[in-house]
Protein backbone atom coordinates (compact mmCIF):
# COMPACT_ATOMS: atom_id res chain seq x y z
CA MET A 1 63.28 89.38 23.30
CA ALA A 2 66.49 91.02 24.75
CA MET A 3 66.06 94.16 25.55
CA THR A 4 68.06 96.68 24.36
CA ASN A 5 69.65 99.97 25.85
CA GLN A 6 68.79 103.32 24.56
CA ALA A 7 72.03 105.24 25.27
CA PRO A 8 73.41 107.66 22.82
CA THR A 9 76.12 105.39 20.58
CA ARG A 10 79.17 107.20 19.84
CA PRO A 11 81.09 107.01 16.89
CA ASN A 12 83.08 103.47 16.24
CA ALA A 13 81.77 102.05 19.04
CA SER A 14 82.31 98.08 19.47
CA ALA A 15 78.84 96.34 19.79
CA LEU A 16 78.81 94.97 23.06
CA ALA A 17 76.37 92.43 24.84
CA LEU A 18 75.84 92.15 28.11
CA TYR A 19 74.49 88.55 29.84
CA GLY A 20 72.34 88.83 32.83
CA HIS A 21 69.08 89.86 34.46
CA PRO A 22 68.28 93.45 36.21
CA PHE A 23 67.68 91.50 39.74
CA SER A 24 71.18 90.23 40.13
CA SER A 25 73.30 92.31 42.16
CA TYR A 26 76.01 91.73 40.02
CA THR A 27 74.73 92.04 36.93
CA GLN A 28 73.80 95.91 38.53
CA LYS A 29 76.88 96.77 39.60
CA VAL A 30 78.15 96.75 35.87
CA LEU A 31 75.06 97.94 34.36
CA ILE A 32 75.88 101.09 36.72
CA ALA A 33 79.64 101.30 35.07
CA LEU A 34 77.52 100.75 31.66
CA TYR A 35 74.96 103.30 32.54
CA GLU A 36 77.68 106.15 33.98
CA ASN A 37 79.40 106.79 30.71
CA HIS A 38 75.96 106.09 28.54
CA THR A 39 78.25 103.04 26.68
CA PRO A 40 76.05 101.83 23.93
CA PHE A 41 75.23 97.77 24.49
CA ASP A 42 72.37 94.91 24.18
CA PHE A 43 71.19 93.64 27.41
CA ARG A 44 70.53 90.21 26.65
CA VAL A 45 68.24 89.06 29.77
CA PHE A 46 67.57 85.99 31.23
CA GLY A 47 64.06 85.00 30.74
CA PRO A 48 61.29 81.86 30.11
CA ASP A 49 60.71 83.88 26.59
CA THR A 50 65.02 84.13 25.74
CA PRO A 51 66.35 80.81 25.88
CA GLN A 52 68.92 81.06 23.60
CA HIS A 53 70.69 83.45 25.96
CA ALA A 54 71.19 81.45 28.69
CA ALA A 55 72.54 78.80 26.30
CA GLU A 56 74.57 81.15 24.81
CA TRP A 57 76.38 81.95 27.86
CA LEU A 58 76.82 78.34 29.14
CA ARG A 59 78.47 78.35 25.81
CA ARG A 60 80.95 81.40 26.25
CA TRP A 61 81.11 80.68 30.67
CA PRO A 62 80.33 77.73 32.02
CA LEU A 63 80.75 78.40 35.34
CA ARG A 64 77.61 79.16 35.39
CA LYS A 65 77.92 83.02 36.68
CA PHE A 66 76.53 85.78 35.72
CA PRO A 67 77.42 88.80 34.18
CA LEU A 68 79.20 88.43 31.43
CA LEU A 69 80.21 90.88 28.85
CA VAL A 70 81.08 89.68 24.65
CA ASP A 71 83.06 92.40 23.38
CA GLY A 72 83.56 90.88 19.43
CA ALA A 73 85.30 87.77 19.78
CA ARG A 74 85.70 88.32 22.93
CA ASP A 75 84.25 87.59 26.44
CA VAL A 76 85.14 88.91 29.75
CA ALA A 77 83.90 87.49 33.05
CA GLU A 78 83.88 88.92 36.89
CA THR A 79 82.52 92.31 37.11
CA SER A 80 85.31 93.78 38.16
CA ILE A 81 87.62 92.65 35.22
CA ILE A 82 84.71 94.07 33.07
CA ILE A 83 84.39 97.48 34.81
CA GLU A 84 87.91 97.40 33.91
CA TYR A 85 87.93 96.83 30.84
CA LEU A 86 85.10 98.93 29.72
CA GLN A 87 87.81 101.54 31.04
CA LEU A 88 90.23 100.17 29.12
CA ARG A 89 88.90 99.22 25.94
CA HIS A 90 85.63 101.47 26.35
CA PRO A 91 86.55 104.59 28.20
CA GLY A 92 83.93 107.95 28.78
CA PRO A 93 83.78 110.68 31.06
CA VAL A 94 83.44 109.04 33.73
CA ARG A 95 86.08 107.29 35.23
CA LEU A 96 85.85 104.58 37.59
CA LEU A 97 89.94 103.65 38.27
CA PRO A 98 92.06 106.18 39.67
CA ALA A 99 94.76 106.93 37.20
CA ASP A 100 96.92 107.22 40.43
CA ALA A 101 97.85 103.50 41.20
CA MET A 102 97.77 103.77 45.08
CA ASP A 103 94.60 105.77 44.85
CA ALA A 104 93.74 102.72 42.36
CA LEU A 105 94.24 100.59 45.10
CA ASP A 106 91.86 101.98 47.43
CA VAL A 107 89.66 101.72 45.29
CA ARG A 108 89.72 98.04 44.42
CA PHE A 109 90.00 97.83 48.20
CA LEU A 110 86.66 98.97 48.15
CA ASP A 111 85.30 97.37 45.98
CA ARG A 112 86.39 93.74 46.56
CA PHE A 113 84.91 94.39 50.78
CA PHE A 114 81.50 95.25 49.14
CA ASP A 115 81.73 92.08 47.32
CA LEU A 116 83.13 90.43 50.06
CA HIS A 117 81.96 91.56 53.30
CA VAL A 118 78.08 92.83 52.04
CA MET A 119 77.24 91.05 49.20
CA ASN A 120 78.41 87.59 49.66
CA VAL A 121 77.34 87.30 53.36
CA VAL A 122 73.47 88.97 51.83
CA GLN A 123 73.88 86.44 49.23
CA HIS A 124 74.00 83.50 51.92
CA ALA A 125 71.06 84.77 53.82
CA VAL A 126 69.43 84.30 50.44
CA ASN A 127 70.60 80.97 49.74
CA GLY A 128 69.44 80.04 53.25
CA ALA A 129 65.87 81.58 52.36
CA LEU A 130 65.69 79.75 49.20
CA THR A 131 65.96 75.96 50.65
CA GLY A 132 63.00 76.72 52.15
CA ASP A 133 64.00 75.50 55.17
CA ALA A 134 63.20 76.99 58.69
CA VAL A 135 66.31 75.99 60.27
CA LYS A 136 68.43 76.88 57.08
CA ARG A 137 66.63 80.29 56.66
CA ARG A 138 67.62 81.22 60.63
CA ASP A 139 71.06 80.38 60.25
CA GLY A 140 71.25 82.13 57.33
CA LEU A 141 70.20 84.76 58.45
CA VAL A 142 71.71 84.63 61.91
CA PHE A 143 75.37 84.48 60.13
CA ALA A 144 74.57 87.62 58.00
CA GLU A 145 73.50 89.76 60.95
CA GLU A 146 76.04 89.38 62.78
CA LYS A 147 78.56 89.97 59.44
CA LEU A 148 76.61 93.22 58.40
CA THR A 149 77.24 94.60 61.85
CA TRP A 150 79.98 94.26 61.60
CA ALA A 151 80.83 95.46 57.91
CA TYR A 152 78.27 98.57 58.85
CA ALA A 153 80.44 99.36 61.40
CA TRP A 154 83.72 99.46 59.81
CA LEU A 155 81.97 101.70 56.87
CA GLU A 156 80.36 103.79 59.11
CA GLN A 157 84.25 105.19 60.48
CA HIS A 158 85.30 105.02 56.56
CA LEU A 159 82.38 107.55 55.48
CA VAL A 160 83.69 110.24 57.63
CA GLY A 161 84.36 112.97 55.74
CA ARG A 162 83.57 111.05 52.10
CA THR A 163 80.88 112.15 49.76
CA TRP A 164 81.64 108.70 47.72
CA SER A 165 82.95 105.50 48.82
CA SER A 166 87.02 106.20 47.87
CA GLY A 167 86.33 110.04 48.28
CA ALA A 168 85.09 113.16 45.78
CA ASP A 169 84.34 110.92 42.84
CA PHE A 170 82.01 108.06 41.87
CA THR A 171 84.44 105.36 41.26
CA LEU A 172 84.52 101.26 41.04
CA ALA A 173 84.13 100.78 44.55
CA ASP A 174 80.72 102.81 44.56
CA CYS A 175 79.46 100.51 41.74
CA ALA A 176 79.98 97.95 44.22
CA ALA A 177 78.20 99.46 47.11
CA ALA A 178 74.96 100.26 45.50
CA PRO A 179 74.04 97.40 44.66
CA SER A 180 75.48 95.84 48.09
CA LEU A 181 74.31 97.53 50.68
CA PHE A 182 70.68 97.83 48.80
CA TYR A 183 70.17 94.18 49.21
CA ALA A 184 72.30 94.88 52.60
CA ASP A 185 69.26 97.01 53.88
CA TRP A 186 66.53 94.46 53.15
CA THR A 187 68.55 91.87 54.69
CA HIS A 188 69.38 93.43 57.34
CA ARG A 189 68.62 97.21 57.80
CA ILE A 190 70.95 99.92 58.67
CA SER A 191 69.83 101.02 61.55
CA ASP A 192 70.41 104.61 62.75
CA ALA A 193 73.54 103.83 64.49
CA TYR A 194 74.60 104.33 61.20
CA PRO A 195 73.93 107.76 59.92
CA LEU A 196 77.08 108.20 57.44
CA LEU A 197 75.69 104.76 55.91
CA ARG A 198 71.95 105.45 55.36
CA ALA A 199 73.12 108.40 53.85
CA TYR A 200 75.73 106.98 51.55
CA ARG A 201 73.14 104.25 50.39
CA ALA A 202 70.84 107.61 50.12
CA ARG A 203 72.74 108.86 47.90
CA LEU A 204 73.95 105.70 45.89
CA LEU A 205 69.81 105.74 45.66
CA ALA A 206 69.25 108.85 43.78
CA ARG A 207 72.57 108.22 42.03
CA PRO A 208 70.94 108.56 37.90
CA SER A 209 72.52 105.31 37.11
CA PHE A 210 71.80 103.41 40.12
CA ALA A 211 68.29 104.77 39.72
CA ARG A 212 67.71 103.22 36.88
CA ALA A 213 69.28 100.15 37.56
CA VAL A 214 66.48 99.89 40.26
CA GLU A 215 63.59 100.84 39.08
CA GLU A 216 64.41 98.27 36.03
CA ALA A 217 64.05 95.39 38.15
CA ARG A 218 61.26 96.52 40.65
CA SER A 219 59.02 94.10 38.92
CA PHE A 220 61.16 91.41 40.26
CA ARG A 221 61.08 92.24 43.42
CA PRO A 222 58.40 89.16 44.70
CA LEU A 223 61.87 87.13 43.92
CA PHE A 224 63.18 88.01 46.96
CA PRO A 225 63.23 85.32 49.57
CA LEU A 226 63.66 88.17 52.72
CA GLY A 227 60.98 90.48 51.78
CA ALA A 228 61.09 93.34 49.04
CA PRO A 229 60.60 96.35 50.82
CA ASP A 230 58.70 99.55 49.15
CA ARG A 231 60.20 101.76 50.47
CA ASP A 232 63.44 102.24 47.92
């Protein structure tokens, strides 16, 4: 059965549908953007009771990557593009990409940083663990620990004087950072050597949009093959 977002509707808002899963980091990235602006949408969750959602998703996007946003006759793939599309076609009070072109470039860079150098690294470790092969699990974790340590060190310096990843405002980059750092800390704990990064992750967890996404996915934590801590 489809899960329907209960956010308040806006007049003349188009019917949006999001295909994905609440425990998916990249689905959460888009959910944060939708929740930030109370954008109405239908959440078409993949699961054993909803095979029609997976079938329709694959028909629309055979590359087998989710989430996928459907806006009427238009299909929008790739999380960063989805969030930019939402700002263009379904804007709300929270502007997730700055109007200034250079500021927007900084936000896009940080968005790519979190996706490529944090979340994709976590996924590498998760994939190794999902094989059930002890050697691949170990190698995946060794790789992730090295790469994440580099990312944590860079972020610790970058966050000096910043509330959010690009400054004072919550942006697209923070939509990417929240699930990335959430799962990264489970994979390779952010140590006390990075107090600014730990505090930033805590702020992200306290943000209502991400707190909602985390709570909606809580029952799926046993699916995480590297352990799902109860501390968050």
